[in-house]
Each structure stands twice: as structure tokens, then as C-alpha cells.
Amino acid sequence: MGQSLPTAIGAQIGQPNQKCLVFAGDGGFMVNLGEMATAVEEKLPLVVVLFDDHGYGVLRNIQDATYGRRVAVDLHTPDFVQLAQSIGFQATRVKTTDDFGEALENAIQEPGPTMVVVDMISIGPPAKAGGISPAVAKEFEPK
């Protein structure tokens, strides 16, 4: 947990002609926020896709399923779009699954570090333990 950005920085430096994508939850990502400055200083073209549910969503599910209560999984988190922009990333927020594809494509086209913040609160209830998010499930319904 928390190693996605430092690992992606190494991968991006090792493969400068490729675009590195980082998929991270907000809780784990907060562990190494300072590495955002490294990505900017090195002008790395990586893309961070940040799933923002204001905490440790996976641990919430485990605690709910196992204990029926939650302890230390809800976090005070920053506005990640403002944070990213303030340090030199291009950043955007998506609030629906319909907007994700275009936001990701735009981020991939940027020459420097970018962040797409996926607002999991707006998208809908999180996945139940062992399941997938209802917002994602609807994408796979027969038409």
C-alpha cells in the first residue's frame, strides 16, 4: 500500500518512451504524496488514476464483512485536483463512469504528469466484499 507512485516513477524513468499509468486508492496514495514533486521535477509523462472514496475502501469492506463495524478507515483527504494542480500536475475529476474514458484519453495525451480523480462517492456505492460496484456492473448489463 502506498508504493504505486514511487514504483511508477521508476518504471517511467526506465521506459521513457512509454506512458506509465498508476491506479491507486486515495488512502494508499497519501502515503507518498511527496513523490508528486519528483514526477513534476523530472517532467515525467505518467498518468495517475486516483480512486477517491475518502479512505481505505477495501479495508472498509473487509471490516464490514468480518466485524460489522469500521475502525480507522475513514480519512480526511485533500481536494486531490487542487493538490495535483498546485504541485504542477494537470488534473481533472470525473463523477460518472460515462466521463472516465474521455478524461483518461485526455490525460494520456498530456506531455507531463497528470491525474484523473475518480469521485467514487458521486459514482455510487462501493463494491460489496467479493463484488463489483453497481456503477460498473451496469456497464455489463445486456442491452
C-alpha atoms as a PDB file:
ATOM      1  CA  MET A   1       0.000   0.000   0.000  1.00  0.00           C
ATOM      2  CA  GLY A   2       1.300   3.422  -0.929  1.00  0.00           C
ATOM      3  CA  GLN A   3       4.007   2.318  -3.322  1.00  0.00           C
ATOM      4  CA  SER A   4       2.199   2.965  -6.605  1.00  0.00           C
ATOM      5  CA  LEU A   5       3.622   6.419  -7.337  1.00  0.00           C
ATOM      6  CA  PRO A   6       7.273   5.717  -6.420  1.00  0.00           C
ATOM      7  CA  THR A   7       7.121   2.468  -8.394  1.00  0.00           C
ATOM      8  CA  ALA A   8       5.578   4.243 -11.391  1.00  0.00           C
ATOM      9  CA  ILE A   9       8.272   6.923 -11.271  1.00  0.00           C
ATOM     10  CA  GLY A  10      10.925   4.213 -11.534  1.00  0.00           C
ATOM     11  CA  ALA A  11       9.049   2.467 -14.330  1.00  0.00           C
ATOM     12  CA  GLN A  12       8.560   5.722 -16.232  1.00  0.00           C
ATOM     13  CA  ILE A  13      12.245   6.633 -15.958  1.00  0.00           C
ATOM     14  CA  GLY A  14      13.160   3.113 -17.077  1.00  0.00           C
ATOM     15  CA  GLN A  15      10.817   3.276 -20.076  1.00  0.00           C
ATOM     16  CA  PRO A  16      10.851   6.942 -21.138  1.00  0.00           C
ATOM     17  CA  ASN A  17       9.143   6.247 -24.483  1.00  0.00           C
ATOM     18  CA  GLN A  18       6.155   4.569 -22.846  1.00  0.00           C
ATOM     19  CA  LYS A  19       3.296   6.143 -20.893  1.00  0.00           C
ATOM     20  CA  CYS A  20       3.044   4.773 -17.356  1.00  0.00           C
ATOM     21  CA  LEU A  21      -0.394   4.624 -15.745  1.00  0.00           C
ATOM     22  CA  VAL A  22      -0.827   4.499 -11.983  1.00  0.00           C
ATOM     23  CA  PHE A  23      -4.046   3.149 -10.479  1.00  0.00           C
ATOM     24  CA  ALA A  24      -4.332   3.952  -6.784  1.00  0.00           C
ATOM     25  CA  GLY A  25      -6.778   4.486  -3.997  1.00  0.00           C
ATOM     26  CA  ASP A  26      -6.682   7.770  -2.135  1.00  0.00           C
ATOM     27  CA  GLY A  27      -5.737   6.218   1.207  1.00  0.00           C
ATOM     28  CA  GLY A  28      -2.682   4.395  -0.082  1.00  0.00           C
ATOM     29  CA  PHE A  29      -1.704   7.248  -2.360  1.00  0.00           C
ATOM     30  CA  MET A  30      -1.491   9.623   0.615  1.00  0.00           C
ATOM     31  CA  VAL A  31       1.468   7.607   1.945  1.00  0.00           C
ATOM     32  CA  ASN A  32       3.795   9.030  -0.721  1.00  0.00           C
ATOM     33  CA  LEU A  33       2.247  12.347  -1.775  1.00  0.00           C
ATOM     34  CA  GLY A  34       5.678  13.975  -1.723  1.00  0.00           C
ATOM     35  CA  GLU A  35       6.718  11.938  -4.749  1.00  0.00           C
ATOM     36  CA  MET A  36       4.364  14.048  -6.863  1.00  0.00           C
ATOM     37  CA  ALA A  37       7.083  16.724  -6.745  1.00  0.00           C
ATOM     38  CA  THR A  38       9.581  14.226  -8.174  1.00  0.00           C
ATOM     39  CA  ALA A  39       7.253  13.468 -11.104  1.00  0.00           C
ATOM     40  CA  VAL A  40       6.946  17.191 -11.833  1.00  0.00           C
ATOM     41  CA  GLU A  41      10.663  17.931 -11.412  1.00  0.00           C
ATOM     42  CA  GLU A  42      11.534  15.080 -13.778  1.00  0.00           C
ATOM     43  CA  LYS A  43       8.753  16.088 -16.221  1.00  0.00           C
ATOM     44  CA  LEU A  44       7.505  12.518 -16.274  1.00  0.00           C
ATOM     45  CA  PRO A  45       4.543  11.833 -18.570  1.00  0.00           C
ATOM     46  CA  LEU A  46       2.857   9.436 -16.169  1.00  0.00           C
ATOM     47  CA  VAL A  47      -0.879   9.375 -15.508  1.00  0.00           C
ATOM     48  CA  VAL A  48      -2.297   8.838 -12.026  1.00  0.00           C
ATOM     49  CA  VAL A  49      -5.836   7.469 -11.882  1.00  0.00           C
ATOM     50  CA  LEU A  50      -6.867   8.087  -8.295  1.00  0.00           C
ATOM     51  CA  PHE A  51      -9.979   6.417  -6.860  1.00  0.00           C
ATOM     52  CA  ASP A  52     -11.172   8.844  -4.198  1.00  0.00           C
ATOM     53  CA  ASP A  53     -13.572   7.430  -1.609  1.00  0.00           C
ATOM     54  CA  HIS A  54     -12.162   9.394   1.336  1.00  0.00           C
ATOM     55  CA  GLY A  55     -10.486   6.447   2.978  1.00  0.00           C
ATOM     56  CA  TYR A  56      -9.412   2.862   2.800  1.00  0.00           C
ATOM     57  CA  GLY A  57     -12.322   1.430   0.801  1.00  0.00           C
ATOM     58  CA  VAL A  58     -11.021  -2.122   0.598  1.00  0.00           C
ATOM     59  CA  LEU A  59     -10.414  -2.195   4.339  1.00  0.00           C
ATOM     60  CA  ARG A  60     -13.923  -0.802   4.914  1.00  0.00           C
ATOM     61  CA  ASN A  61     -15.378  -3.751   3.028  1.00  0.00           C
ATOM     62  CA  ILE A  62     -13.283  -6.236   4.982  1.00  0.00           C
ATOM     63  CA  GLN A  63     -14.225  -4.668   8.302  1.00  0.00           C
ATOM     64  CA  ASP A  64     -17.923  -4.511   7.384  1.00  0.00           C
ATOM     65  CA  ALA A  65     -17.965  -8.151   6.277  1.00  0.00           C
ATOM     66  CA  THR A  66     -15.868  -9.501   9.118  1.00  0.00           C
ATOM     67  CA  TYR A  67     -16.761  -7.347  12.110  1.00  0.00           C
ATOM     68  CA  GLY A  68     -19.839  -5.370  11.169  1.00  0.00           C
ATOM     69  CA  ARG A  69     -18.123  -2.126  12.156  1.00  0.00           C
ATOM     70  CA  ARG A  70     -15.349   0.179  10.945  1.00  0.00           C
ATOM     71  CA  VAL A  71     -12.253   1.446  12.703  1.00  0.00           C
ATOM     72  CA  ALA A  72      -9.691   3.930  11.295  1.00  0.00           C
ATOM     73  CA  VAL A  73     -10.694   3.566   7.643  1.00  0.00           C
ATOM     74  CA  ASP A  74     -12.353   6.935   7.012  1.00  0.00           C
ATOM     75  CA  LEU A  75      -9.787   9.619   6.241  1.00  0.00           C
ATOM     76  CA  HIS A  76      -9.662  13.359   5.985  1.00  0.00           C
ATOM     77  CA  THR A  77      -8.357  13.787   2.451  1.00  0.00           C
ATOM     78  CA  PRO A  78      -7.475  16.858   0.402  1.00  0.00           C
ATOM     79  CA  ASP A  79      -9.112  18.019  -2.776  1.00  0.00           C
ATOM     80  CA  PHE A  80      -6.810  15.945  -4.963  1.00  0.00           C
ATOM     81  CA  VAL A  81      -7.457  18.005  -8.116  1.00  0.00           C
ATOM     82  CA  GLN A  82      -6.370  21.191  -6.346  1.00  0.00           C
ATOM     83  CA  LEU A  83      -3.434  19.396  -4.733  1.00  0.00           C
ATOM     84  CA  ALA A  84      -2.254  17.991  -8.056  1.00  0.00           C
ATOM     85  CA  GLN A  85      -2.611  21.329  -9.831  1.00  0.00           C
ATOM     86  CA  SER A  86      -0.812  23.174  -7.044  1.00  0.00           C
ATOM     87  CA  ILE A  87       2.246  20.967  -7.444  1.00  0.00           C
ATOM     88  CA  GLY A  88       2.296  21.082 -11.255  1.00  0.00           C
ATOM     89  CA  PHE A  89       0.159  18.187 -12.463  1.00  0.00           C
ATOM     90  CA  GLN A  90      -2.639  18.616 -14.969  1.00  0.00           C
ATOM     91  CA  ALA A  91      -5.708  17.270 -13.158  1.00  0.00           C
ATOM     92  CA  THR A  92      -9.390  16.619 -13.615  1.00  0.00           C
ATOM     93  CA  ARG A  93     -12.194  14.980 -11.665  1.00  0.00           C
ATOM     94  CA  VAL A  94     -14.763  12.565 -13.056  1.00  0.00           C
ATOM     95  CA  LYS A  95     -18.080  11.999 -11.328  1.00  0.00           C
ATOM     96  CA  THR A  96     -19.662   9.469 -13.699  1.00  0.00           C
ATOM     97  CA  THR A  97     -18.461   6.342 -15.450  1.00  0.00           C
ATOM     98  CA  ASP A  98     -19.510   7.957 -18.739  1.00  0.00           C
ATOM     99  CA  ASP A  99     -16.890  10.695 -18.302  1.00  0.00           C
ATOM    100  CA  PHE A 100     -13.987   8.422 -17.446  1.00  0.00           C
ATOM    101  CA  GLY A 101     -12.900   7.360 -20.949  1.00  0.00           C
ATOM    102  CA  GLU A 102     -12.559  10.875 -22.302  1.00  0.00           C
ATOM    103  CA  ALA A 103     -10.762  12.089 -19.163  1.00  0.00           C
ATOM    104  CA  LEU A 104      -8.275   9.225 -19.370  1.00  0.00           C
ATOM    105  CA  GLU A 105      -7.648   9.784 -23.090  1.00  0.00           C
ATOM    106  CA  ASN A 106      -7.027  13.491 -22.464  1.00  0.00           C
ATOM    107  CA  ALA A 107      -4.629  12.669 -19.626  1.00  0.00           C
ATOM    108  CA  ILE A 108      -2.691  10.224 -21.797  1.00  0.00           C
ATOM    109  CA  GLN A 109      -2.199  12.959 -24.408  1.00  0.00           C
ATOM    110  CA  GLU A 110      -0.600  15.358 -21.910  1.00  0.00           C
ATOM    111  CA  PRO A 111       3.216  15.574 -22.068  1.00  0.00           C
ATOM    112  CA  GLY A 112       3.740  15.863 -18.305  1.00  0.00           C
ATOM    113  CA  PRO A 113       2.326  14.296 -15.164  1.00  0.00           C
ATOM    114  CA  THR A 114      -1.457  14.154 -14.964  1.00  0.00           C
ATOM    115  CA  MET A 115      -4.092  12.977 -12.538  1.00  0.00           C
ATOM    116  CA  VAL A 116      -7.634  11.789 -13.111  1.00  0.00           C
ATOM    117  CA  VAL A 117      -9.518  11.782  -9.825  1.00  0.00           C
ATOM    118  CA  VAL A 118     -12.405   9.324  -9.894  1.00  0.00           C
ATOM    119  CA  ASP A 119     -15.002  10.574  -7.405  1.00  0.00           C
ATOM    120  CA  MET A 120     -16.224   7.271  -6.026  1.00  0.00           C
ATOM    121  CA  ILE A 121     -18.783   8.966  -3.772  1.00  0.00           C
ATOM    122  CA  SER A 122     -20.520  10.500  -6.816  1.00  0.00           C
ATOM    123  CA  ILE A 123     -20.276   7.338  -8.904  1.00  0.00           C
ATOM    124  CA  GLY A 124     -22.221   5.327  -6.399  1.00  0.00           C
ATOM    125  CA  PRO A 125     -21.977   2.878  -3.572  1.00  0.00           C
ATOM    126  CA  PRO A 126     -18.731   0.983  -3.298  1.00  0.00           C
ATOM    127  CA  ALA A 127     -18.476  -2.650  -4.181  1.00  0.00           C
ATOM    128  CA  LYS A 128     -19.583  -5.161  -1.601  1.00  0.00           C
ATOM    129  CA  ALA A 129     -16.884  -7.560  -0.458  1.00  0.00           C
ATOM    130  CA  GLY A 130     -16.391 -10.050  -3.281  1.00  0.00           C
ATOM    131  CA  GLY A 131     -18.451  -7.993  -5.747  1.00  0.00           C
ATOM    132  CA  ILE A 132     -18.145  -5.068  -8.101  1.00  0.00           C
ATOM    133  CA  SER A 133     -19.506  -1.561  -7.900  1.00  0.00           C
ATOM    134  CA  PRO A 134     -23.120  -1.215  -9.097  1.00  0.00           C
ATOM    135  CA  ALA A 135     -21.956   1.644 -11.350  1.00  0.00           C
ATOM    136  CA  VAL A 136     -19.521  -0.705 -13.079  1.00  0.00           C
ATOM    137  CA  ALA A 137     -21.967  -3.632 -13.148  1.00  0.00           C
ATOM    138  CA  LYS A 138     -24.476  -1.591 -15.154  1.00  0.00           C
ATOM    139  CA  GLU A 139     -21.875  -1.282 -17.922  1.00  0.00           C
ATOM    140  CA  PHE A 140     -22.054  -5.058 -18.400  1.00  0.00           C
ATOM    141  CA  GLU A 141     -25.838  -5.395 -18.448  1.00  0.00           C
ATOM    142  CA  PRO A 142     -27.264  -6.781 -21.692  1.00  0.00           C
ATOM    143  CA  LYS A 143     -28.556  -4.019 -23.927  1.00  0.00           C
END
